[in-house]
């Protein structure tokens, strides 16, 4: 083997880098947009579009409900719908765990 103990000299290191098939390919540092940055930008755009759509729908419903008699049921906001969904999901999970725990303790064979 063509090896030795100790560090390579600066001239040997430069020659090794210049002779490499990847010479020049990784010399420049490139800061590309990461997947996280792309996804967070997409989420921000979606949130802005949802706010705008909610604003338009609210404006439209206010305009259309002003001519109605007896008011009417108001539409859910995004936060209200999210909260309702989270509570429903947690309730389902809690119910499942309780039923499994109770049935498991009753149906255990000894």
PDB file of N, CA and C in Angstrom:
ATOM      1  N   UNK A   1       0.830  -1.199   0.000  1.00  0.00           N
ATOM      2  CA  UNK A   1       0.000   0.000   0.000  1.00  0.00           C
ATOM      3  C   UNK A   1       0.869   1.256   0.000  1.00  0.00           C
ATOM      4  N   UNK A   2       0.339   2.278  -0.594  1.00  0.00           N
ATOM      5  CA  UNK A   2       1.071   3.553  -0.670  1.00  0.00           C
ATOM      6  C   UNK A   2       0.550   4.479   0.421  1.00  0.00           C
ATOM      7  N   UNK A   3       0.805   4.120   1.640  1.00  0.00           N
ATOM      8  CA  UNK A   3       0.338   4.950   2.744  1.00  0.00           C
ATOM      9  C   UNK A   3       1.524   5.356   3.600  1.00  0.00           C
ATOM     10  N   UNK A   4       1.273   6.294   4.487  1.00  0.00           N
ATOM     11  CA  UNK A   4       2.337   6.721   5.392  1.00  0.00           C
ATOM     12  C   UNK A   4       1.703   7.283   6.654  1.00  0.00           C
ATOM     13  N   UNK A   5       2.485   7.431   7.663  1.00  0.00           N
ATOM     14  CA  UNK A   5       2.018   8.025   8.903  1.00  0.00           C
ATOM     15  C   UNK A   5       2.249   9.531   8.824  1.00  0.00           C
ATOM     16  N   UNK A   6       1.341  10.287   9.383  1.00  0.00           N
ATOM     17  CA  UNK A   6       1.502  11.731   9.431  1.00  0.00           C
ATOM     18  C   UNK A   6       0.614  12.446   8.416  1.00  0.00           C
ATOM     19  N   UNK A   7       0.457  13.725   8.616  1.00  0.00           N
ATOM     20  CA  UNK A   7      -0.425  14.499   7.725  1.00  0.00           C
ATOM     21  C   UNK A   7       0.235  14.763   6.373  1.00  0.00           C
ATOM     22  N   UNK A   8      -0.603  15.006   5.365  1.00  0.00           N
ATOM     23  CA  UNK A   8      -0.108  15.349   4.027  1.00  0.00           C
ATOM     24  C   UNK A   8       0.321  16.811   4.012  1.00  0.00           C
ATOM     25  N   UNK A   9       1.304  17.113   3.205  1.00  0.00           N
ATOM     26  CA  UNK A   9       1.742  18.507   3.094  1.00  0.00           C
ATOM     27  C   UNK A   9       0.718  19.292   2.276  1.00  0.00           C
ATOM     28  N   UNK A  10       0.822  20.618   2.311  1.00  0.00           N
ATOM     29  CA  UNK A  10      -0.119  21.460   1.572  1.00  0.00           C
ATOM     30  C   UNK A  10      -0.051  21.184   0.068  1.00  0.00           C
ATOM     31  N   UNK A  11       1.129  20.971  -0.464  1.00  0.00           N
ATOM     32  CA  UNK A  11       1.283  20.699  -1.892  1.00  0.00           C
ATOM     33  C   UNK A  11       0.629  19.370  -2.259  1.00  0.00           C
ATOM     34  N   UNK A  12       0.822  18.349  -1.424  1.00  0.00           N
ATOM     35  CA  UNK A  12       0.200  17.049  -1.681  1.00  0.00           C
ATOM     36  C   UNK A  12      -1.320  17.149  -1.614  1.00  0.00           C
ATOM     37  N   UNK A  13      -1.836  17.901  -0.653  1.00  0.00           N
ATOM     38  CA  UNK A  13      -3.284  18.069  -0.510  1.00  0.00           C
ATOM     39  C   UNK A  13      -3.856  18.784  -1.741  1.00  0.00           C
ATOM     40  N   UNK A  14      -3.193  19.867  -2.198  1.00  0.00           N
ATOM     41  CA  UNK A  14      -3.666  20.606  -3.380  1.00  0.00           C
ATOM     42  C   UNK A  14      -3.647  19.712  -4.624  1.00  0.00           C
ATOM     43  N   UNK A  15      -2.585  18.913  -4.794  1.00  0.00           N
ATOM     44  CA  UNK A  15      -2.475  18.023  -5.943  1.00  0.00           C
ATOM     45  C   UNK A  15      -3.577  16.961  -5.894  1.00  0.00           C
ATOM     46  N   UNK A  16      -3.845  16.419  -4.710  1.00  0.00           N
ATOM     47  CA  UNK A  16      -4.881  15.404  -4.544  1.00  0.00           C
ATOM     48  C   UNK A  16      -6.271  15.969  -4.871  1.00  0.00           C
ATOM     49  N   UNK A  17      -6.522  17.195  -4.425  1.00  0.00           N
ATOM     50  CA  UNK A  17      -7.815  17.832  -4.700  1.00  0.00           C
ATOM     51  C   UNK A  17      -7.932  18.148  -6.191  1.00  0.00           C
ATOM     52  N   UNK A  18      -6.858  18.621  -6.816  1.00  0.00           N
ATOM     53  CA  UNK A  18      -6.893  18.970  -8.243  1.00  0.00           C
ATOM     54  C   UNK A  18      -7.062  17.721  -9.112  1.00  0.00           C
ATOM     55  N   UNK A  19      -6.512  16.590  -8.688  1.00  0.00           N
ATOM     56  CA  UNK A  19      -6.598  15.358  -9.468  1.00  0.00           C
ATOM     57  C   UNK A  19      -7.920  14.616  -9.245  1.00  0.00           C
ATOM     58  N   UNK A  20      -8.701  15.045  -8.294  1.00  0.00           N
ATOM     59  CA  UNK A  20      -9.953  14.377  -7.964  1.00  0.00           C
ATOM     60  C   UNK A  20     -10.974  14.520  -9.102  1.00  0.00           C
ATOM     61  N   UNK A  21     -11.771  13.496  -9.376  1.00  0.00           N
ATOM     62  CA  UNK A  21     -12.808  13.613 -10.406  1.00  0.00           C
ATOM     63  C   UNK A  21     -13.904  14.620 -10.010  1.00  0.00           C
ATOM     64  N   UNK A  22     -13.979  14.970  -8.754  1.00  0.00           N
ATOM     65  CA  UNK A  22     -14.973  15.925  -8.277  1.00  0.00           C
ATOM     66  C   UNK A  22     -14.402  17.330  -8.132  1.00  0.00           C
ATOM     67  N   UNK A  23     -13.210  17.549  -8.683  1.00  0.00           N
ATOM     68  CA  UNK A  23     -12.561  18.856  -8.559  1.00  0.00           C
ATOM     69  C   UNK A  23     -13.447  19.926  -9.192  1.00  0.00           C
ATOM     70  N   UNK A  24     -13.703  20.980  -8.461  1.00  0.00           N
ATOM     71  CA  UNK A  24     -14.503  22.090  -8.952  1.00  0.00           C
ATOM     72  C   UNK A  24     -15.989  21.946  -8.700  1.00  0.00           C
ATOM     73  N   UNK A  25     -16.448  20.747  -8.479  1.00  0.00           N
ATOM     74  CA  UNK A  25     -17.889  20.537  -8.310  1.00  0.00           C
ATOM     75  C   UNK A  25     -18.389  21.062  -6.962  1.00  0.00           C
ATOM     76  N   UNK A  26     -17.633  20.878  -5.925  1.00  0.00           N
ATOM     77  CA  UNK A  26     -18.063  21.273  -4.584  1.00  0.00           C
ATOM     78  C   UNK A  26     -17.247  22.455  -4.039  1.00  0.00           C
ATOM     79  N   UNK A  27     -16.625  23.206  -4.905  1.00  0.00           N
ATOM     80  CA  UNK A  27     -15.824  24.343  -4.451  1.00  0.00           C
ATOM     81  C   UNK A  27     -16.687  25.503  -3.955  1.00  0.00           C
ATOM     82  N   UNK A  28     -17.782  25.779  -4.644  1.00  0.00           N
ATOM     83  CA  UNK A  28     -18.647  26.908  -4.271  1.00  0.00           C
ATOM     84  C   UNK A  28     -19.732  26.449  -3.316  1.00  0.00           C
ATOM     85  N   UNK A  29     -19.950  27.248  -2.296  1.00  0.00           N
ATOM     86  CA  UNK A  29     -20.996  26.957  -1.321  1.00  0.00           C
ATOM     87  C   UNK A  29     -22.317  27.491  -1.862  1.00  0.00           C
ATOM     88  N   UNK A  30     -23.324  26.629  -1.905  1.00  0.00           N
ATOM     89  CA  UNK A  30     -24.649  27.005  -2.408  1.00  0.00           C
ATOM     90  C   UNK A  30     -25.645  26.802  -1.277  1.00  0.00           C
ATOM     91  N   UNK A  31     -26.419  27.839  -0.992  1.00  0.00           N
ATOM     92  CA  UNK A  31     -27.446  27.749   0.049  1.00  0.00           C
ATOM     93  C   UNK A  31     -28.797  27.615  -0.644  1.00  0.00           C
ATOM     94  N   UNK A  32     -29.171  26.367  -0.896  1.00  0.00           N
ATOM     95  CA  UNK A  32     -30.446  26.114  -1.564  1.00  0.00           C
ATOM     96  C   UNK A  32     -31.586  26.200  -0.564  1.00  0.00           C
ATOM     97  N   UNK A  33     -32.792  26.380  -1.090  1.00  0.00           N
ATOM     98  CA  UNK A  33     -33.970  26.448  -0.229  1.00  0.00           C
ATOM     99  C   UNK A  33     -34.289  25.030   0.250  1.00  0.00           C
ATOM    100  N   UNK A  34     -34.401  24.861   1.558  1.00  0.00           N
ATOM    101  CA  UNK A  34     -34.642  23.531   2.115  1.00  0.00           C
ATOM    102  C   UNK A  34     -36.120  23.167   2.010  1.00  0.00           C
ATOM    103  N   UNK A  35     -36.405  21.906   2.211  1.00  0.00           N
ATOM    104  CA  UNK A  35     -37.787  21.427   2.188  1.00  0.00           C
ATOM    105  C   UNK A  35     -38.597  22.104   3.291  1.00  0.00           C
ATOM    106  N   UNK A  36     -37.972  22.308   4.449  1.00  0.00           N
ATOM    107  CA  UNK A  36     -38.653  22.983   5.552  1.00  0.00           C
ATOM    108  C   UNK A  36     -39.061  24.397   5.148  1.00  0.00           C
ATOM    109  N   UNK A  37     -38.153  25.107   4.495  1.00  0.00           N
ATOM    110  CA  UNK A  37     -38.459  26.476   4.066  1.00  0.00           C
ATOM    111  C   UNK A  37     -39.570  26.487   3.022  1.00  0.00           C
ATOM    112  N   UNK A  38     -39.531  25.525   2.096  1.00  0.00           N
ATOM    113  CA  UNK A  38     -40.578  25.444   1.073  1.00  0.00           C
ATOM    114  C   UNK A  38     -41.933  25.148   1.698  1.00  0.00           C
ATOM    115  N   UNK A  39     -41.968  24.190   2.630  1.00  0.00           N
ATOM    116  CA  UNK A  39     -43.232  23.813   3.265  1.00  0.00           C
ATOM    117  C   UNK A  39     -43.776  24.929   4.148  1.00  0.00           C
ATOM    118  N   UNK A  40     -42.891  25.624   4.869  1.00  0.00           N
ATOM    119  CA  UNK A  40     -43.383  26.718   5.717  1.00  0.00           C
ATOM    120  C   UNK A  40     -43.893  27.869   4.862  1.00  0.00           C
ATOM    121  N   UNK A  41     -43.274  28.133   3.708  1.00  0.00           N
ATOM    122  CA  UNK A  41     -43.775  29.175   2.805  1.00  0.00           C
ATOM    123  C   UNK A  41     -45.133  28.769   2.237  1.00  0.00           C
ATOM    124  N   UNK A  42     -45.280  27.492   1.882  1.00  0.00           N
ATOM    125  CA  UNK A  42     -46.557  27.005   1.362  1.00  0.00           C
ATOM    126  C   UNK A  42     -47.653  27.099   2.427  1.00  0.00           C
ATOM    127  N   UNK A  43     -47.307  26.760   3.676  1.00  0.00           N
ATOM    128  CA  UNK A  43     -48.278  26.842   4.764  1.00  0.00           C
ATOM    129  C   UNK A  43     -48.682  28.288   5.023  1.00  0.00           C
ATOM    130  N   UNK A  44     -47.721  29.210   4.946  1.00  0.00           N
ATOM    131  CA  UNK A  44     -48.034  30.621   5.149  1.00  0.00           C
ATOM    132  C   UNK A  44     -48.957  31.130   4.047  1.00  0.00           C
ATOM    133  N   UNK A  45     -48.684  30.732   2.794  1.00  0.00           N
ATOM    134  CA  UNK A  45     -49.564  31.136   1.688  1.00  0.00           C
ATOM    135  C   UNK A  45     -50.958  30.570   1.867  1.00  0.00           C
ATOM    136  N   UNK A  46     -51.044  29.301   2.287  1.00  0.00           N
ATOM    137  CA  UNK A  46     -52.350  28.667   2.488  1.00  0.00           C
ATOM    138  C   UNK A  46     -53.116  29.362   3.608  1.00  0.00           C
ATOM    139  N   UNK A  47     -52.414  29.754   4.670  1.00  0.00           N
ATOM    140  CA  UNK A  47     -53.073  30.453   5.775  1.00  0.00           C
ATOM    141  C   UNK A  47     -53.589  31.814   5.319  1.00  0.00           C
ATOM    142  N   UNK A  48     -52.777  32.511   4.522  1.00  0.00           N
ATOM    143  CA  UNK A  48     -53.217  33.807   4.009  1.00  0.00           C
ATOM    144  C   UNK A  48     -54.430  33.648   3.102  1.00  0.00           C
ATOM    145  N   UNK A  49     -54.406  32.636   2.231  1.00  0.00           N
ATOM    146  CA  UNK A  49     -55.534  32.397   1.338  1.00  0.00           C
ATOM    147  C   UNK A  49     -56.781  32.021   2.129  1.00  0.00           C
ATOM    148  N   UNK A  50     -56.604  31.217   3.185  1.00  0.00           N
ATOM    149  CA  UNK A  50     -57.755  30.831   4.012  1.00  0.00           C
ATOM    150  C   UNK A  50     -58.340  32.042   4.724  1.00  0.00           C
ATOM    151  N   UNK A  51     -57.459  32.919   5.232  1.00  0.00           N
ATOM    152  CA  UNK A  51     -57.950  34.139   5.877  1.00  0.00           C
ATOM    153  C   UNK A  51     -58.714  35.001   4.886  1.00  0.00           C
ATOM    154  N   UNK A  52     -58.165  35.148   3.693  1.00  0.00           N
ATOM    155  CA  UNK A  52     -58.812  35.957   2.669  1.00  0.00           C
ATOM    156  C   UNK A  52     -60.151  35.353   2.277  1.00  0.00           C
ATOM    157  N   UNK A  53     -60.194  34.036   2.123  1.00  0.00           N
ATOM    158  CA  UNK A  53     -61.446  33.364   1.775  1.00  0.00           C
ATOM    159  C   UNK A  53     -62.468  33.522   2.900  1.00  0.00           C
ATOM    160  N   UNK A  54     -62.009  33.410   4.146  1.00  0.00           N
ATOM    161  CA  UNK A  54     -62.920  33.581   5.283  1.00  0.00           C
ATOM    162  C   UNK A  54     -63.439  35.022   5.330  1.00  0.00           C
ATOM    163  N   UNK A  55     -62.552  35.973   5.068  1.00  0.00           N
ATOM    164  CA  UNK A  55     -62.956  37.375   5.047  1.00  0.00           C
ATOM    165  C   UNK A  55     -63.990  37.621   3.954  1.00  0.00           C
ATOM    166  N   UNK A  56     -63.740  37.053   2.755  1.00  0.00           N
ATOM    167  CA  UNK A  56     -64.690  37.214   1.655  1.00  0.00           C
ATOM    168  C   UNK A  56     -66.018  36.551   1.975  1.00  0.00           C
ATOM    169  N   UNK A  57     -65.966  35.343   2.553  1.00  0.00           N
ATOM    170  CA  UNK A  57     -67.197  34.628   2.900  1.00  0.00           C
ATOM    171  C   UNK A  57     -67.963  35.388   3.974  1.00  0.00           C
ATOM    172  N   UNK A  58     -67.248  35.940   4.946  1.00  0.00           N
ATOM    173  CA  UNK A  58     -67.903  36.712   6.006  1.00  0.00           C
ATOM    174  C   UNK A  58     -68.549  37.961   5.424  1.00  0.00           C
ATOM    175  N   UNK A  59     -67.830  38.604   4.539  1.00  0.00           N
ATOM    176  CA  UNK A  59     -68.356  39.804   3.898  1.00  0.00           C
ATOM    177  C   UNK A  59     -69.577  39.449   3.054  1.00  0.00           C
ATOM    178  N   UNK A  60     -69.492  38.326   2.331  1.00  0.00           N
ATOM    179  CA  UNK A  60     -70.596  37.879   1.489  1.00  0.00           C
ATOM    180  C   UNK A  60     -71.800  37.497   2.340  1.00  0.00           C
ATOM    181  N   UNK A  61     -71.587  36.775   3.442  1.00  0.00           N
ATOM    182  CA  UNK A  61     -72.701  36.353   4.291  1.00  0.00           C
ATOM    183  C   UNK A  61     -73.319  37.548   5.005  1.00  0.00           C
ATOM    184  N   UNK A  62     -72.499  38.527   5.364  1.00  0.00           N
ATOM    185  CA  UNK A  62     -73.041  39.725   6.000  1.00  0.00           C
ATOM    186  C   UNK A  62     -73.902  40.488   5.010  1.00  0.00           C
ATOM    187  N   UNK A  63     -73.461  40.524   3.771  1.00  0.00           N
ATOM    188  CA  UNK A  63     -74.223  41.234   2.752  1.00  0.00           C
ATOM    189  C   UNK A  63     -75.516  40.486   2.439  1.00  0.00           C
ATOM    190  N   UNK A  64     -75.459  39.138   2.342  1.00  0.00           N
ATOM    191  CA  UNK A  64     -76.650  38.365   1.994  1.00  0.00           C
ATOM    192  C   UNK A  64     -77.592  38.216   3.189  1.00  0.00           C
ATOM    193  N   UNK A  65     -77.070  38.178   4.416  1.00  0.00           N
ATOM    194  CA  UNK A  65     -77.938  38.003   5.576  1.00  0.00           C
ATOM    195  C   UNK A  65     -78.601  39.308   5.995  1.00  0.00           C
ATOM    196  N   UNK A  66     -78.093  40.423   5.510  1.00  0.00           N
ATOM    197  CA  UNK A  66     -78.714  41.689   5.892  1.00  0.00           C
ATOM    198  C   UNK A  66     -80.092  41.820   5.277  1.00  0.00           C
ATOM    199  N   UNK A  67     -80.348  41.129   4.174  1.00  0.00           N
ATOM    200  CA  UNK A  67     -81.656  41.189   3.537  1.00  0.00           C
ATOM    201  C   UNK A  67     -82.597  40.121   4.037  1.00  0.00           C
ATOM    202  N   UNK A  68     -82.107  39.148   4.793  1.00  0.00           N
ATOM    203  CA  UNK A  68     -82.954  38.066   5.294  1.00  0.00           C
ATOM    204  C   UNK A  68     -83.671  38.472   6.561  1.00  0.00           C
ATOM    205  N   UNK A  69     -84.766  37.764   6.810  1.00  0.00           N
ATOM    206  CA  UNK A  69     -85.467  37.972   8.074  1.00  0.00           C
ATOM    207  C   UNK A  69     -85.116  36.837   9.022  1.00  0.00           C
ATOM    208  N   UNK A  70     -85.102  37.167  10.291  1.00  0.00           N
ATOM    209  CA  UNK A  70     -84.886  36.129  11.290  1.00  0.00           C
ATOM    210  C   UNK A  70     -83.432  35.728  11.433  1.00  0.00           C
ATOM    211  N   UNK A  71     -82.530  36.443  10.845  1.00  0.00           N
ATOM    212  CA  UNK A  71     -81.108  36.125  10.995  1.00  0.00           C
ATOM    213  C   UNK A  71     -80.760  34.862  10.269  1.00  0.00           C
ATOM    214  N   UNK A  72     -80.160  33.943  10.921  1.00  0.00           N
ATOM    215  CA  UNK A  72     -79.741  32.689  10.307  1.00  0.00           C
ATOM    216  C   UNK A  72     -78.552  32.164  11.072  1.00  0.00           C
ATOM    217  N   UNK A  73     -78.230  30.973  10.789  1.00  0.00           N
ATOM    218  CA  UNK A  73     -77.111  30.370  11.494  1.00  0.00           C
ATOM    219  C   UNK A  73     -75.816  30.886  10.900  1.00  0.00           C
ATOM    220  N   UNK A  74     -74.891  31.308  11.779  1.00  0.00           N
ATOM    221  CA  UNK A  74     -73.603  31.808  11.305  1.00  0.00           C
ATOM    222  C   UNK A  74     -72.674  30.637  11.033  1.00  0.00           C
ATOM    223  N   UNK A  75     -71.776  30.845  10.101  1.00  0.00           N
ATOM    224  CA  UNK A  75     -70.822  29.807   9.756  1.00  0.00           C
ATOM    225  C   UNK A  75     -69.709  29.753  10.799  1.00  0.00           C
ATOM    226  N   UNK A  76     -69.118  28.575  10.910  1.00  0.00           N
ATOM    227  CA  UNK A  76     -68.022  28.386  11.849  1.00  0.00           C
ATOM    228  C   UNK A  76     -66.766  29.059  11.331  1.00  0.00           C
ATOM    229  N   UNK A  77     -65.981  29.610  12.249  1.00  0.00           N
ATOM    230  CA  UNK A  77     -64.679  30.141  11.883  1.00  0.00           C
ATOM    231  C   UNK A  77     -63.662  29.019  11.808  1.00  0.00           C
ATOM    232  N   UNK A  78     -62.505  29.313  11.278  1.00  0.00           N
ATOM    233  CA  UNK A  78     -61.460  28.297  11.129  1.00  0.00           C
ATOM    234  C   UNK A  78     -60.997  27.807  12.499  1.00  0.00           C
ATOM    235  N   UNK A  79     -60.783  28.739  13.422  1.00  0.00           N
ATOM    236  CA  UNK A  79     -60.338  28.360  14.766  1.00  0.00           C
ATOM    237  C   UNK A  79     -61.377  27.522  15.485  1.00  0.00           C
ATOM    238  N   UNK A  80     -62.644  27.900  15.319  1.00  0.00           N
ATOM    239  CA  UNK A  80     -63.730  27.160  15.969  1.00  0.00           C
ATOM    240  C   UNK A  80     -63.819  25.739  15.402  1.00  0.00           C
ATOM    241  N   UNK A  81     -63.696  25.601  14.084  1.00  0.00           N
ATOM    242  CA  UNK A  81     -63.743  24.282  13.453  1.00  0.00           C
ATOM    243  C   UNK A  81     -62.556  23.436  13.901  1.00  0.00           C
ATOM    244  N   UNK A  82     -61.361  24.042  13.994  1.00  0.00           N
ATOM    245  CA  UNK A  82     -60.176  23.322  14.437  1.00  0.00           C
ATOM    246  C   UNK A  82     -60.350  22.843  15.876  1.00  0.00           C
ATOM    247  N   UNK A  83     -60.835  23.724  16.740  1.00  0.00           N
ATOM    248  CA  UNK A  83     -61.035  23.356  18.143  1.00  0.00           C
ATOM    249  C   UNK A  83     -62.044  22.219  18.263  1.00  0.00           C
ATOM    250  N   UNK A  84     -63.119  22.303  17.500  1.00  0.00           N
ATOM    251  CA  UNK A  84     -64.150  21.272  17.544  1.00  0.00           C
ATOM    252  C   UNK A  84     -63.582  19.927  17.083  1.00  0.00           C
ATOM    253  N   UNK A  85     -62.757  19.945  16.048  1.00  0.00           N
ATOM    254  CA  UNK A  85     -62.152  18.730  15.527  1.00  0.00           C
ATOM    255  C   UNK A  85     -61.195  18.109  16.543  1.00  0.00           C
ATOM    256  N   UNK A  86     -60.387  18.950  17.205  1.00  0.00           N
ATOM    257  CA  UNK A  86     -59.440  18.459  18.196  1.00  0.00           C
ATOM    258  C   UNK A  86     -60.177  17.836  19.373  1.00  0.00           C
ATOM    259  N   UNK A  87     -61.215  18.509  19.852  1.00  0.00           N
ATOM    260  CA  UNK A  87     -61.986  17.983  20.987  1.00  0.00           C
ATOM    261  C   UNK A  87     -62.639  16.662  20.612  1.00  0.00           C
ATOM    262  N   UNK A  88     -63.178  16.585  19.406  1.00  0.00           N
ATOM    263  CA  UNK A  88     -63.822  15.355  18.953  1.00  0.00           C
ATOM    264  C   UNK A  88     -62.805  14.212  18.886  1.00  0.00           C
ATOM    265  N   UNK A  89     -61.620  14.481  18.369  1.00  0.00           N
ATOM    266  CA  UNK A  89     -60.582  13.470  18.242  1.00  0.00           C
ATOM    267  C   UNK A  89     -60.108  12.990  19.613  1.00  0.00           C
ATOM    268  N   UNK A  90     -59.881  13.928  20.532  1.00  0.00           N
ATOM    269  CA  UNK A  90     -59.440  13.559  21.878  1.00  0.00           C
ATOM    270  C   UNK A  90     -60.526  12.751  22.581  1.00  0.00           C
ATOM    271  N   UNK A  91     -61.780  13.137  22.404  1.00  0.00           N
ATOM    272  CA  UNK A  91     -62.893  12.399  23.011  1.00  0.00           C
ATOM    273  C   UNK A  91     -62.964  10.971  22.501  1.00  0.00           C
ATOM    274  N   UNK A  92     -62.798  10.807  21.194  1.00  0.00           N
ATOM    275  CA  UNK A  92     -62.826   9.454  20.620  1.00  0.00           C
ATOM    276  C   UNK A  92     -61.704   8.597  21.200  1.00  0.00           C
ATOM    277  N   UNK A  93     -60.502   9.180  21.244  1.00  0.00           N
ATOM    278  CA  UNK A  93     -59.343   8.433  21.745  1.00  0.00           C
ATOM    279  C   UNK A  93     -59.535   8.063  23.214  1.00  0.00           C
ATOM    280  N   UNK A  94     -60.017   9.001  24.010  1.00  0.00           N
ATOM    281  CA  UNK A  94     -60.251   8.740  25.426  1.00  0.00           C
ATOM    282  C   UNK A  94     -61.305   7.649  25.611  1.00  0.00           C
ATOM    283  N   UNK A  95     -62.379   7.717  24.839  1.00  0.00           N
ATOM    284  CA  UNK A  95     -63.426   6.694  24.903  1.00  0.00           C
ATOM    285  C   UNK A  95     -62.883   5.329  24.540  1.00  0.00           C
ATOM    286  N   UNK A  96     -62.075   5.273  23.492  1.00  0.00           N
ATOM    287  CA  UNK A  96     -61.478   4.004  23.079  1.00  0.00           C
ATOM    288  C   UNK A  96     -60.621   3.402  24.185  1.00  0.00           C
ATOM    289  N   UNK A  97     -59.783   4.258  24.798  1.00  0.00           N
ATOM    290  CA  UNK A  97     -58.901   3.779  25.867  1.00  0.00           C
ATOM    291  C   UNK A  97     -59.707   3.285  27.068  1.00  0.00           C
ATOM    292  N   UNK A  98     -60.755   4.004  27.427  1.00  0.00           N
ATOM    293  CA  UNK A  98     -61.588   3.583  28.560  1.00  0.00           C
ATOM    294  C   UNK A  98     -62.260   2.243  28.285  1.00  0.00           C
ATOM    295  N   UNK A  99     -62.843   2.103  27.110  1.00  0.00           N
ATOM    296  CA  UNK A  99     -63.525   0.853  26.766  1.00  0.00           C
ATOM    297  C   UNK A  99     -62.538  -0.301  26.744  1.00  0.00           C
ATOM    298  N   UNK A 100     -61.376  -0.095  26.160  1.00  0.00           N
ATOM    299  CA  UNK A 100     -60.374  -1.161  26.131  1.00  0.00           C
ATOM    300  C   UNK A 100     -59.925  -1.539  27.534  1.00  0.00           C
ATOM    301  N   UNK A 101     -59.724  -0.522  28.365  1.00  0.00           N
ATOM    302  CA  UNK A 101     -59.283  -0.797  29.731  1.00  0.00           C
ATOM    303  C   UNK A 101     -60.325  -1.539  30.531  1.00  0.00           C
ATOM    304  N   UNK A 102     -61.581  -1.098  30.448  1.00  0.00           N
ATOM    305  CA  UNK A 102     -62.647  -1.755  31.203  1.00  0.00           C
ATOM    306  C   UNK A 102     -62.918  -3.156  30.693  1.00  0.00           C
ATOM    307  N   UNK A 103     -63.041  -3.309  29.372  1.00  0.00           N
ATOM    308  CA  UNK A 103     -63.298  -4.641  28.825  1.00  0.00           C
ATOM    309  C   UNK A 103     -62.118  -5.567  29.059  1.00  0.00           C
ATOM    310  N   UNK A 104     -60.915  -5.017  28.989  1.00  0.00           N
ATOM    311  CA  UNK A 104     -59.746  -5.825  29.233  1.00  0.00           C
ATOM    312  C   UNK A 104     -59.691  -6.350  30.657  1.00  0.00           C
ATOM    313  N   UNK A 105     -60.101  -5.503  31.611  1.00  0.00           N
ATOM    314  CA  UNK A 105     -60.058  -5.971  33.005  1.00  0.00           C
ATOM    315  C   UNK A 105     -61.198  -6.934  33.299  1.00  0.00           C
ATOM    316  N   UNK A 106     -62.353  -6.783  32.660  1.00  0.00           N
ATOM    317  CA  UNK A 106     -63.468  -7.699  32.879  1.00  0.00           C
ATOM    318  C   UNK A 106     -63.271  -9.040  32.180  1.00  0.00           C
ATOM    319  N   UNK A 107     -62.645  -9.015  31.049  1.00  0.00           N
ATOM    320  CA  UNK A 107     -62.543 -10.218  30.242  1.00  0.00           C
ATOM    321  C   UNK A 107     -61.253 -10.990  30.449  1.00  0.00           C
ATOM    322  N   UNK A 108     -60.401 -10.529  31.362  1.00  0.00           N
ATOM    323  CA  UNK A 108     -59.139 -11.257  31.626  1.00  0.00           C
ATOM    324  C   UNK A 108     -59.442 -12.605  32.258  1.00  0.00           C
ATOM    325  N   UNK A 109     -58.732 -13.593  31.777  1.00  0.00           N
ATOM    326  CA  UNK A 109     -58.899 -14.915  32.353  1.00  0.00           C
ATOM    327  C   UNK A 109     -57.792 -15.127  33.361  1.00  0.00           C
ATOM    328  N   UNK A 110     -58.135 -15.749  34.453  1.00  0.00           N
ATOM    329  CA  UNK A 110     -57.147 -15.987  35.518  1.00  0.00           C
ATOM    330  C   UNK A 110     -56.844 -17.429  35.693  1.00  0.00           C
TER     331      UNK A 110
END
